[in-house]
Amino acid sequence: FFFFFFLWRSGNVEVPVTACGIEAGDPHAPCTMLLLDYLTYLREQRSLDVCLDSALDDSQPCRTGTLYLKDWHHRLQFPSFDGYSQVPVLAPDWLNGHALCKHVRDEQSAPDNDPPGDDYRFVYLGPRGSFTPLHCDVLGSFSWSTNVCGEKLWVFFAPNDVELLKDTAGRLPVDVLQPLDPARYPRAHRATPIRVLQRAGETLFVPSLWYHQVVNLRETLSVNHNWGTLSDTHPMLVSPQQLPPPVVTTKAKPNPNPTKPNQTK
């Protein structure tokens, strides 16, 4: 309740909004809205869903063009609002520690018209059908996501499967929940999706370099926190093109004759 009250009190701030499934830069894809205007849009979508509930197709939950409030740096914008704390199992957080130190330096030295640095802590708020297309988290970091309310469907692909999902031009699909054209995506059928249903009050951990698509099955408010430790420093320091290809290894069989080395056929 306190979180929703704070959202209402923040109504006059601008928030980042994306039109789902529409290319960035498209004139129909807004960049920012006043939070109060977006909450009004949510209320209208809620009423529309009630009217169209029987006509909605649950087998294709993603709705292109739906407006989605995503990647809002809420805690950076409102540092006095202590909405949550990092639990010990998800710490230490090297990624945000570095980003927030840079933010303080930028605030002190940057000109008034030059915004300070970033962090990697976000708020997401969207109606039924809003979604994030298939992607890998920023800088190859870990992340966790908590649903304050609502319900999400996550579709994960292991790093080894990503190349299988690309089309003949080397591009990933936007929506893997739609049937993919086998002529355009000839190897996609060999990739193995892992589906996870996340309900209100649940927290989900996203491993480094695992691609995923996320769709809101109902109106959902969530908090997402990208973070990094020593174990995922390498992906954060190099570009994806510089990462070595995945290596599949097998365990060597015990050597019955310790005087001779094992031979691999």
C-alpha atoms as a PDB file:
ATOM      1  CA  PHE A   1       0.000   0.000   0.000  1.00  0.00           C
ATOM      2  CA  PHE A   2       2.817   2.393   0.898  1.00  0.00           C
ATOM      3  CA  PHE A   3       4.474   1.791  -2.481  1.00  0.00           C
ATOM      4  CA  PHE A   4       1.255   2.615  -4.359  1.00  0.00           C
ATOM      5  CA  PHE A   5       0.739   5.707  -2.208  1.00  0.00           C
ATOM      6  CA  PHE A   6       4.220   6.880  -3.106  1.00  0.00           C
ATOM      7  CA  LEU A   7       3.522   6.319  -6.828  1.00  0.00           C
ATOM      8  CA  TRP A   8       0.430   8.477  -6.510  1.00  0.00           C
ATOM      9  CA  ARG A   9       2.412  11.209  -4.711  1.00  0.00           C
ATOM     10  CA  SER A  10       5.006  11.091  -7.549  1.00  0.00           C
ATOM     11  CA  GLY A  11       2.399  11.810 -10.216  1.00  0.00           C
ATOM     12  CA  ASN A  12       4.031  14.959 -11.597  1.00  0.00           C
ATOM     13  CA  VAL A  13       7.362  13.298 -12.479  1.00  0.00           C
ATOM     14  CA  GLU A  14       8.235  12.110 -15.972  1.00  0.00           C
ATOM     15  CA  VAL A  15       8.706   8.357 -16.388  1.00  0.00           C
ATOM     16  CA  PRO A  16      10.118   6.293 -19.297  1.00  0.00           C
ATOM     17  CA  VAL A  17       7.419   4.553 -21.332  1.00  0.00           C
ATOM     18  CA  THR A  18       7.812   2.103 -24.223  1.00  0.00           C
ATOM     19  CA  ALA A  19       5.295   0.953 -26.808  1.00  0.00           C
ATOM     20  CA  CYS A  20       5.779  -2.818 -26.726  1.00  0.00           C
ATOM     21  CA  GLY A  21       7.054  -4.434 -29.899  1.00  0.00           C
ATOM     22  CA  ILE A  22       7.571  -1.109 -31.723  1.00  0.00           C
ATOM     23  CA  GLU A  23      11.052  -0.109 -32.846  1.00  0.00           C
ATOM     24  CA  ALA A  24      12.810   2.627 -30.859  1.00  0.00           C
ATOM     25  CA  GLY A  25      12.513   5.965 -32.644  1.00  0.00           C
ATOM     26  CA  ASP A  26       9.132   5.133 -34.177  1.00  0.00           C
ATOM     27  CA  PRO A  27       6.878   8.231 -33.956  1.00  0.00           C
ATOM     28  CA  HIS A  28       4.197   6.073 -32.322  1.00  0.00           C
ATOM     29  CA  ALA A  29       6.549   5.016 -29.521  1.00  0.00           C
ATOM     30  CA  PRO A  30       6.503   7.640 -26.733  1.00  0.00           C
ATOM     31  CA  CYS A  31       9.661   8.164 -24.716  1.00  0.00           C
ATOM     32  CA  THR A  32       8.302   9.729 -21.521  1.00  0.00           C
ATOM     33  CA  MET A  33       4.967  10.495 -19.854  1.00  0.00           C
ATOM     34  CA  LEU A  34       3.868  12.092 -16.628  1.00  0.00           C
ATOM     35  CA  LEU A  35       3.298   9.301 -14.132  1.00  0.00           C
ATOM     36  CA  LEU A  36      -0.216  10.582 -13.449  1.00  0.00           C
ATOM     37  CA  ASP A  37      -1.045  10.352 -17.178  1.00  0.00           C
ATOM     38  CA  TYR A  38       0.327   6.815 -17.292  1.00  0.00           C
ATOM     39  CA  LEU A  39      -1.762   5.771 -14.273  1.00  0.00           C
ATOM     40  CA  THR A  40      -4.800   7.137 -16.111  1.00  0.00           C
ATOM     41  CA  TYR A  41      -3.839   5.018 -19.130  1.00  0.00           C
ATOM     42  CA  LEU A  42      -3.582   1.966 -16.863  1.00  0.00           C
ATOM     43  CA  ARG A  43      -7.061   2.567 -15.494  1.00  0.00           C
ATOM     44  CA  GLU A  44      -8.427   2.784 -19.068  1.00  0.00           C
ATOM     45  CA  GLN A  45      -6.659  -0.449 -20.027  1.00  0.00           C
ATOM     46  CA  ARG A  46      -8.100  -2.162 -16.969  1.00  0.00           C
ATOM     47  CA  SER A  47     -11.623  -1.192 -18.026  1.00  0.00           C
ATOM     48  CA  LEU A  48     -10.925  -2.345 -21.591  1.00  0.00           C
ATOM     49  CA  ASP A  49      -9.682  -5.727 -20.360  1.00  0.00           C
ATOM     50  CA  VAL A  50     -12.907  -6.265 -18.415  1.00  0.00           C
ATOM     51  CA  CYS A  51     -14.940  -5.601 -21.576  1.00  0.00           C
ATOM     52  CA  LEU A  52     -12.758  -7.793 -23.838  1.00  0.00           C
ATOM     53  CA  ASP A  53     -11.875 -10.566 -21.383  1.00  0.00           C
ATOM     54  CA  SER A  54     -13.719 -13.311 -23.254  1.00  0.00           C
ATOM     55  CA  ALA A  55     -12.132 -12.254 -26.571  1.00  0.00           C
ATOM     56  CA  LEU A  56      -8.495 -12.177 -25.362  1.00  0.00           C
ATOM     57  CA  ASP A  57      -6.287 -15.044 -26.560  1.00  0.00           C
ATOM     58  CA  ASP A  58      -4.279 -16.483 -23.657  1.00  0.00           C
ATOM     59  CA  SER A  59      -2.138 -18.504 -26.073  1.00  0.00           C
ATOM     60  CA  GLN A  60      -0.670 -15.249 -27.449  1.00  0.00           C
ATOM     61  CA  PRO A  61      -0.345 -13.037 -24.358  1.00  0.00           C
ATOM     62  CA  CYS A  62       1.898 -10.287 -25.819  1.00  0.00           C
ATOM     63  CA  ARG A  63       0.045  -7.229 -27.122  1.00  0.00           C
ATOM     64  CA  THR A  64       2.023  -5.053 -29.541  1.00  0.00           C
ATOM     65  CA  GLY A  65       1.644  -1.306 -28.988  1.00  0.00           C
ATOM     66  CA  THR A  66       0.742  -1.603 -25.298  1.00  0.00           C
ATOM     67  CA  LEU A  67       2.408   1.144 -23.269  1.00  0.00           C
ATOM     68  CA  TYR A  68       4.846  -0.145 -20.659  1.00  0.00           C
ATOM     69  CA  LEU A  69       6.503   1.912 -17.922  1.00  0.00           C
ATOM     70  CA  LYS A  70       9.914   0.241 -17.749  1.00  0.00           C
ATOM     71  CA  ASP A  71      13.515   0.923 -16.741  1.00  0.00           C
ATOM     72  CA  TRP A  72      12.456   3.705 -14.370  1.00  0.00           C
ATOM     73  CA  HIS A  73      15.403   4.649 -12.127  1.00  0.00           C
ATOM     74  CA  HIS A  74      13.057   5.165  -9.225  1.00  0.00           C
ATOM     75  CA  ARG A  75      15.541   4.878  -6.362  1.00  0.00           C
ATOM     76  CA  LEU A  76      18.010   7.163  -8.094  1.00  0.00           C
ATOM     77  CA  GLN A  77      15.292   9.759  -8.606  1.00  0.00           C
ATOM     78  CA  PHE A  78      13.926   9.407  -5.058  1.00  0.00           C
ATOM     79  CA  PRO A  79      16.894   8.384  -2.862  1.00  0.00           C
ATOM     80  CA  SER A  80      14.997   9.147   0.359  1.00  0.00           C
ATOM     81  CA  PHE A  81      12.376   6.491  -0.466  1.00  0.00           C
ATOM     82  CA  ASP A  82      13.732   3.298   1.043  1.00  0.00           C
ATOM     83  CA  GLY A  83      11.382   0.841  -0.676  1.00  0.00           C
ATOM     84  CA  TYR A  84      13.560  -2.233  -0.226  1.00  0.00           C
ATOM     85  CA  SER A  85      16.994  -3.374   0.888  1.00  0.00           C
ATOM     86  CA  GLN A  86      19.388  -5.833  -0.730  1.00  0.00           C
ATOM     87  CA  VAL A  87      19.204  -9.244   0.975  1.00  0.00           C
ATOM     88  CA  PRO A  88      22.594 -10.801   1.916  1.00  0.00           C
ATOM     89  CA  VAL A  89      22.347 -13.687  -0.563  1.00  0.00           C
ATOM     90  CA  LEU A  90      22.144 -11.144  -3.435  1.00  0.00           C
ATOM     91  CA  ALA A  91      25.095  -9.062  -2.268  1.00  0.00           C
ATOM     92  CA  PRO A  92      27.741  -7.639  -2.551  1.00  0.00           C
ATOM     93  CA  ASP A  93      26.636  -5.460  -5.433  1.00  0.00           C
ATOM     94  CA  TRP A  94      29.715  -4.270  -7.275  1.00  0.00           C
ATOM     95  CA  LEU A  95      27.778  -3.010 -10.291  1.00  0.00           C
ATOM     96  CA  ASN A  96      25.597  -0.478  -8.469  1.00  0.00           C
ATOM     97  CA  GLY A  97      28.343   0.384  -6.004  1.00  0.00           C
ATOM     98  CA  HIS A  98      30.460   1.634  -8.907  1.00  0.00           C
ATOM     99  CA  ALA A  99      27.521   3.314 -10.662  1.00  0.00           C
ATOM    100  CA  LEU A 100      26.371   5.176  -7.539  1.00  0.00           C
ATOM    101  CA  CYS A 101      29.897   6.415  -6.755  1.00  0.00           C
ATOM    102  CA  LYS A 102      30.046   7.756 -10.302  1.00  0.00           C
ATOM    103  CA  HIS A 103      26.606   9.309  -9.836  1.00  0.00           C
ATOM    104  CA  VAL A 104      27.794  11.238  -6.756  1.00  0.00           C
ATOM    105  CA  ARG A 105      30.889  12.467  -8.612  1.00  0.00           C
ATOM    106  CA  ASP A 106      28.802  13.518 -11.614  1.00  0.00           C
ATOM    107  CA  GLU A 107      26.299  15.363  -9.413  1.00  0.00           C
ATOM    108  CA  GLN A 108      29.132  17.361  -7.889  1.00  0.00           C
ATOM    109  CA  SER A 109      31.008  18.135 -11.104  1.00  0.00           C
ATOM    110  CA  ALA A 110      28.563  17.967 -14.026  1.00  0.00           C
ATOM    111  CA  PRO A 111      26.969  21.162 -15.448  1.00  0.00           C
ATOM    112  CA  ASP A 112      23.331  21.786 -14.567  1.00  0.00           C
ATOM    113  CA  ASN A 113      22.164  20.706 -18.030  1.00  0.00           C
ATOM    114  CA  ASP A 114      24.197  17.471 -17.951  1.00  0.00           C
ATOM    115  CA  PRO A 115      22.455  14.693 -15.969  1.00  0.00           C
ATOM    116  CA  PRO A 116      24.573  12.605 -13.585  1.00  0.00           C
ATOM    117  CA  GLY A 117      25.371   8.906 -14.027  1.00  0.00           C
ATOM    118  CA  ASP A 118      23.167   5.843 -13.940  1.00  0.00           C
ATOM    119  CA  ASP A 119      22.300   3.013 -11.626  1.00  0.00           C
ATOM    120  CA  TYR A 120      20.853  -0.412 -12.440  1.00  0.00           C
ATOM    121  CA  ARG A 121      17.780  -0.509 -10.186  1.00  0.00           C
ATOM    122  CA  PHE A 122      14.432  -0.240 -11.933  1.00  0.00           C
ATOM    123  CA  VAL A 123      10.670  -0.131 -11.465  1.00  0.00           C
ATOM    124  CA  TYR A 124       8.345  -1.719 -14.038  1.00  0.00           C
ATOM    125  CA  LEU A 125       4.608  -1.082 -14.255  1.00  0.00           C
ATOM    126  CA  GLY A 126       2.399  -2.335 -17.061  1.00  0.00           C
ATOM    127  CA  PRO A 127      -1.046  -3.623 -18.036  1.00  0.00           C
ATOM    128  CA  ARG A 128      -1.958  -7.098 -19.162  1.00  0.00           C
ATOM    129  CA  GLY A 129      -0.118  -7.947 -22.371  1.00  0.00           C
ATOM    130  CA  SER A 130       2.787  -5.536 -21.885  1.00  0.00           C
ATOM    131  CA  PHE A 131       6.106  -7.277 -22.416  1.00  0.00           C
ATOM    132  CA  THR A 132       9.864  -7.018 -22.707  1.00  0.00           C
ATOM    133  CA  PRO A 133      11.206  -8.663 -25.881  1.00  0.00           C
ATOM    134  CA  LEU A 134      13.882 -11.345 -25.873  1.00  0.00           C
ATOM    135  CA  HIS A 135      17.090  -9.876 -24.439  1.00  0.00           C
ATOM    136  CA  CYS A 136      20.106 -10.437 -22.209  1.00  0.00           C
ATOM    137  CA  ASP A 137      20.538  -8.233 -19.135  1.00  0.00           C
ATOM    138  CA  VAL A 138      22.741  -5.149 -19.286  1.00  0.00           C
ATOM    139  CA  LEU A 139      26.509  -5.806 -19.200  1.00  0.00           C
ATOM    140  CA  GLY A 140      25.907  -9.533 -18.769  1.00  0.00           C
ATOM    141  CA  SER A 141      24.975  -8.922 -15.130  1.00  0.00           C
ATOM    142  CA  PHE A 142      22.873 -11.000 -12.758  1.00  0.00           C
ATOM    143  CA  SER A 143      19.463  -9.647 -11.827  1.00  0.00           C
ATOM    144  CA  TRP A 144      16.567 -10.323  -9.520  1.00  0.00           C
ATOM    145  CA  SER A 145      12.961  -9.266  -9.995  1.00  0.00           C
ATOM    146  CA  THR A 146      10.218  -9.048  -7.363  1.00  0.00           C
ATOM    147  CA  ASN A 147       6.531  -8.786  -8.187  1.00  0.00           C
ATOM    148  CA  VAL A 148       4.864  -6.287  -5.855  1.00  0.00           C
ATOM    149  CA  CYS A 149       1.563  -7.284  -7.458  1.00  0.00           C
ATOM    150  CA  GLY A 150       0.435  -9.030 -10.617  1.00  0.00           C
ATOM    151  CA  GLU A 151       1.760 -12.006 -12.542  1.00  0.00           C
ATOM    152  CA  LYS A 152       4.531 -12.479 -15.111  1.00  0.00           C
ATOM    153  CA  LEU A 153       5.475 -15.233 -17.523  1.00  0.00           C
ATOM    154  CA  TRP A 154       9.223 -15.590 -18.102  1.00  0.00           C
ATOM    155  CA  VAL A 155      10.702 -17.530 -21.029  1.00  0.00           C
ATOM    156  CA  PHE A 156      14.413 -18.339 -20.604  1.00  0.00           C
ATOM    157  CA  PHE A 157      17.000 -19.662 -23.039  1.00  0.00           C
ATOM    158  CA  ALA A 158      20.419 -20.933 -21.969  1.00  0.00           C
ATOM    159  CA  PRO A 159      23.424 -19.117 -23.507  1.00  0.00           C
ATOM    160  CA  ASN A 160      24.148 -22.142 -25.738  1.00  0.00           C
ATOM    161  CA  ASP A 161      20.705 -21.805 -27.364  1.00  0.00           C
ATOM    162  CA  VAL A 162      20.885 -18.144 -28.381  1.00  0.00           C
ATOM    163  CA  GLU A 163      22.525 -18.729 -31.772  1.00  0.00           C
ATOM    164  CA  LEU A 164      19.776 -21.235 -32.633  1.00  0.00           C
ATOM    165  CA  LEU A 165      17.130 -18.540 -32.224  1.00  0.00           C
ATOM    166  CA  LYS A 166      18.615 -16.139 -34.775  1.00  0.00           C
ATOM    167  CA  ASP A 167      17.058 -15.701 -38.207  1.00  0.00           C
ATOM    168  CA  THR A 168      18.893 -16.019 -41.520  1.00  0.00           C
ATOM    169  CA  ALA A 169      20.100 -12.418 -41.132  1.00  0.00           C
ATOM    170  CA  GLY A 170      21.497 -13.076 -37.645  1.00  0.00           C
ATOM    171  CA  ARG A 171      18.735 -11.246 -35.746  1.00  0.00           C
ATOM    172  CA  LEU A 172      16.871 -12.495 -32.676  1.00  0.00           C
ATOM    173  CA  PRO A 173      13.042 -12.646 -32.666  1.00  0.00           C
ATOM    174  CA  VAL A 174      11.149  -9.996 -30.710  1.00  0.00           C
ATOM    175  CA  ASP A 175       8.435 -12.358 -29.463  1.00  0.00           C
ATOM    176  CA  VAL A 176       9.282 -16.042 -28.935  1.00  0.00           C
ATOM    177  CA  LEU A 177       5.736 -16.726 -27.714  1.00  0.00           C
ATOM    178  CA  GLN A 178       4.500 -16.269 -31.289  1.00  0.00           C
ATOM    179  CA  PRO A 179       5.011 -19.107 -33.792  1.00  0.00           C
ATOM    180  CA  LEU A 180       8.301 -18.491 -35.612  1.00  0.00           C
ATOM    181  CA  ASP A 181       8.507 -18.890 -39.389  1.00  0.00           C
ATOM    182  CA  PRO A 182      10.759 -21.949 -39.974  1.00  0.00           C
ATOM    183  CA  ALA A 183      11.980 -20.482 -43.267  1.00  0.00           C
ATOM    184  CA  ARG A 184      13.244 -17.382 -41.443  1.00  0.00           C
ATOM    185  CA  TYR A 185      14.283 -19.143 -38.202  1.00  0.00           C
ATOM    186  CA  PRO A 186      15.434 -22.566 -39.477  1.00  0.00           C
ATOM    187  CA  ARG A 187      17.149 -23.653 -36.225  1.00  0.00           C
ATOM    188  CA  ALA A 188      14.761 -22.178 -33.630  1.00  0.00           C
ATOM    189  CA  HIS A 189      12.992 -25.507 -33.082  1.00  0.00           C
ATOM    190  CA  ARG A 190      16.210 -26.877 -31.584  1.00  0.00           C
ATOM    191  CA  ALA A 191      16.283 -24.271 -28.787  1.00  0.00           C
ATOM    192  CA  THR A 192      14.734 -25.304 -25.460  1.00  0.00           C
ATOM    193  CA  PRO A 193      12.593 -22.652 -23.721  1.00  0.00           C
ATOM    194  CA  ILE A 194      12.239 -22.720 -19.938  1.00  0.00           C
ATOM    195  CA  ARG A 195       8.974 -21.133 -18.773  1.00  0.00           C
ATOM    196  CA  VAL A 196       8.516 -19.733 -15.281  1.00  0.00           C
ATOM    197  CA  LEU A 197       5.312 -18.269 -13.851  1.00  0.00           C
ATOM    198  CA  GLN A 198       6.029 -15.539 -11.290  1.00  0.00           C
ATOM    199  CA  ARG A 199       3.219 -14.537  -8.938  1.00  0.00           C
ATOM    200  CA  ALA A 200       2.759 -11.574  -6.590  1.00  0.00           C
ATOM    201  CA  GLY A 201       5.277 -11.495  -3.749  1.00  0.00           C
ATOM    202  CA  GLU A 202       7.725 -13.822  -5.487  1.00  0.00           C
ATOM    203  CA  THR A 203      11.339 -12.971  -6.359  1.00  0.00           C
ATOM    204  CA  LEU A 204      13.044 -14.523  -9.366  1.00  0.00           C
ATOM    205  CA  PHE A 205      16.800 -14.746  -9.981  1.00  0.00           C
ATOM    206  CA  VAL A 206      18.083 -14.267 -13.543  1.00  0.00           C
ATOM    207  CA  PRO A 207      21.519 -15.804 -14.278  1.00  0.00           C
ATOM    208  CA  SER A 208      24.171 -13.905 -16.204  1.00  0.00           C
ATOM    209  CA  LEU A 209      23.959 -14.196 -20.034  1.00  0.00           C
ATOM    210  CA  TRP A 210      20.634 -16.072 -20.028  1.00  0.00           C
ATOM    211  CA  TYR A 211      18.314 -14.540 -22.630  1.00  0.00           C
ATOM    212  CA  HIS A 212      14.708 -14.067 -21.599  1.00  0.00           C
ATOM    213  CA  GLN A 213      11.382 -12.593 -22.625  1.00  0.00           C
ATOM    214  CA  VAL A 214       8.895 -11.396 -20.002  1.00  0.00           C
ATOM    215  CA  VAL A 215       5.163 -10.736 -20.403  1.00  0.00           C
ATOM    216  CA  ASN A 216       2.693  -9.391 -17.833  1.00  0.00           C
ATOM    217  CA  LEU A 217      -0.292 -11.746 -17.668  1.00  0.00           C
ATOM    218  CA  ARG A 218      -2.182  -9.118 -15.693  1.00  0.00           C
ATOM    219  CA  GLU A 219      -1.519  -5.574 -14.490  1.00  0.00           C
ATOM    220  CA  THR A 220       1.841  -5.866 -12.730  1.00  0.00           C
ATOM    221  CA  LEU A 221       4.152  -3.714 -10.625  1.00  0.00           C
ATOM    222  CA  SER A 222       7.668  -5.070 -10.138  1.00  0.00           C
ATOM    223  CA  VAL A 223      11.090  -4.039  -8.893  1.00  0.00           C
ATOM    224  CA  ASN A 224      14.175  -5.173 -10.799  1.00  0.00           C
ATOM    225  CA  HIS A 225      17.761  -4.951  -9.596  1.00  0.00           C
ATOM    226  CA  ASN A 226      20.752  -5.749 -11.811  1.00  0.00           C
ATOM    227  CA  TRP A 227      23.860  -6.562  -9.826  1.00  0.00           C
ATOM    228  CA  GLY A 228      27.343  -7.936 -10.216  1.00  0.00           C
ATOM    229  CA  THR A 229      29.922  -9.855  -8.208  1.00  0.00           C
ATOM    230  CA  LEU A 230      33.311 -11.381  -8.909  1.00  0.00           C
ATOM    231  CA  SER A 231      31.677 -14.395 -10.607  1.00  0.00           C
ATOM    232  CA  ASP A 232      30.205 -12.331 -13.489  1.00  0.00           C
ATOM    233  CA  THR A 233      32.891  -9.637 -13.754  1.00  0.00           C
ATOM    234  CA  HIS A 234      34.217 -10.972 -17.065  1.00  0.00           C
ATOM    235  CA  PRO A 235      30.939 -10.494 -19.032  1.00  0.00           C
ATOM    236  CA  MET A 236      30.572  -6.996 -17.524  1.00  0.00           C
ATOM    237  CA  LEU A 237      34.048  -5.891 -18.628  1.00  0.00           C
ATOM    238  CA  VAL A 238      33.986  -7.064 -22.250  1.00  0.00           C
ATOM    239  CA  SER A 239      31.480  -6.745 -25.073  1.00  0.00           C
ATOM    240  CA  PRO A 240      29.389  -9.826 -26.033  1.00  0.00           C
ATOM    241  CA  GLN A 241      31.411 -10.083 -29.270  1.00  0.00           C
ATOM    242  CA  GLN A 242      34.584 -10.580 -27.218  1.00  0.00           C
ATOM    243  CA  LEU A 243      33.201 -13.360 -25.057  1.00  0.00           C
ATOM    244  CA  PRO A 244      34.557 -16.846 -25.792  1.00  0.00           C
ATOM    245  CA  PRO A 245      32.089 -19.353 -27.277  1.00  0.00           C
ATOM    246  CA  PRO A 246      30.387 -21.692 -24.780  1.00  0.00           C
ATOM    247  CA  VAL A 247      32.327 -24.892 -24.168  1.00  0.00           C
ATOM    248  CA  VAL A 248      30.628 -28.206 -23.405  1.00  0.00           C
ATOM    249  CA  THR A 249      32.819 -30.511 -21.341  1.00  0.00           C
ATOM    250  CA  THR A 250      32.420 -34.103 -20.232  1.00  0.00           C
ATOM    251  CA  LYS A 251      33.848 -35.762 -17.155  1.00  0.00           C
ATOM    252  CA  ALA A 252      36.865 -37.987 -17.811  1.00  0.00           C
ATOM    253  CA  LYS A 253      36.418 -41.638 -16.934  1.00  0.00           C
ATOM    254  CA  PRO A 254      38.523 -42.973 -14.026  1.00  0.00           C
ATOM    255  CA  ASN A 255      41.863 -44.279 -15.270  1.00  0.00           C
ATOM    256  CA  PRO A 256      42.275 -47.969 -14.278  1.00  0.00           C
ATOM    257  CA  ASN A 257      46.006 -47.769 -15.083  1.00  0.00           C
ATOM    258  CA  PRO A 258      47.500 -44.710 -13.353  1.00  0.00           C
ATOM    259  CA  THR A 259      50.810 -45.186 -15.206  1.00  0.00           C
ATOM    260  CA  LYS A 260      49.128 -44.331 -18.545  1.00  0.00           C
ATOM    261  CA  PRO A 261      47.138 -41.161 -19.292  1.00  0.00           C
ATOM    262  CA  ASN A 262      43.484 -41.318 -20.246  1.00  0.00           C
ATOM    263  CA  GLN A 263      42.836 -41.197 -23.968  1.00  0.00           C
ATOM    264  CA  THR A 264      39.828 -39.369 -25.348  1.00  0.00           C
ATOM    265  CA  LYS A 265      38.249 -40.920 -28.388  1.00  0.00           C
END
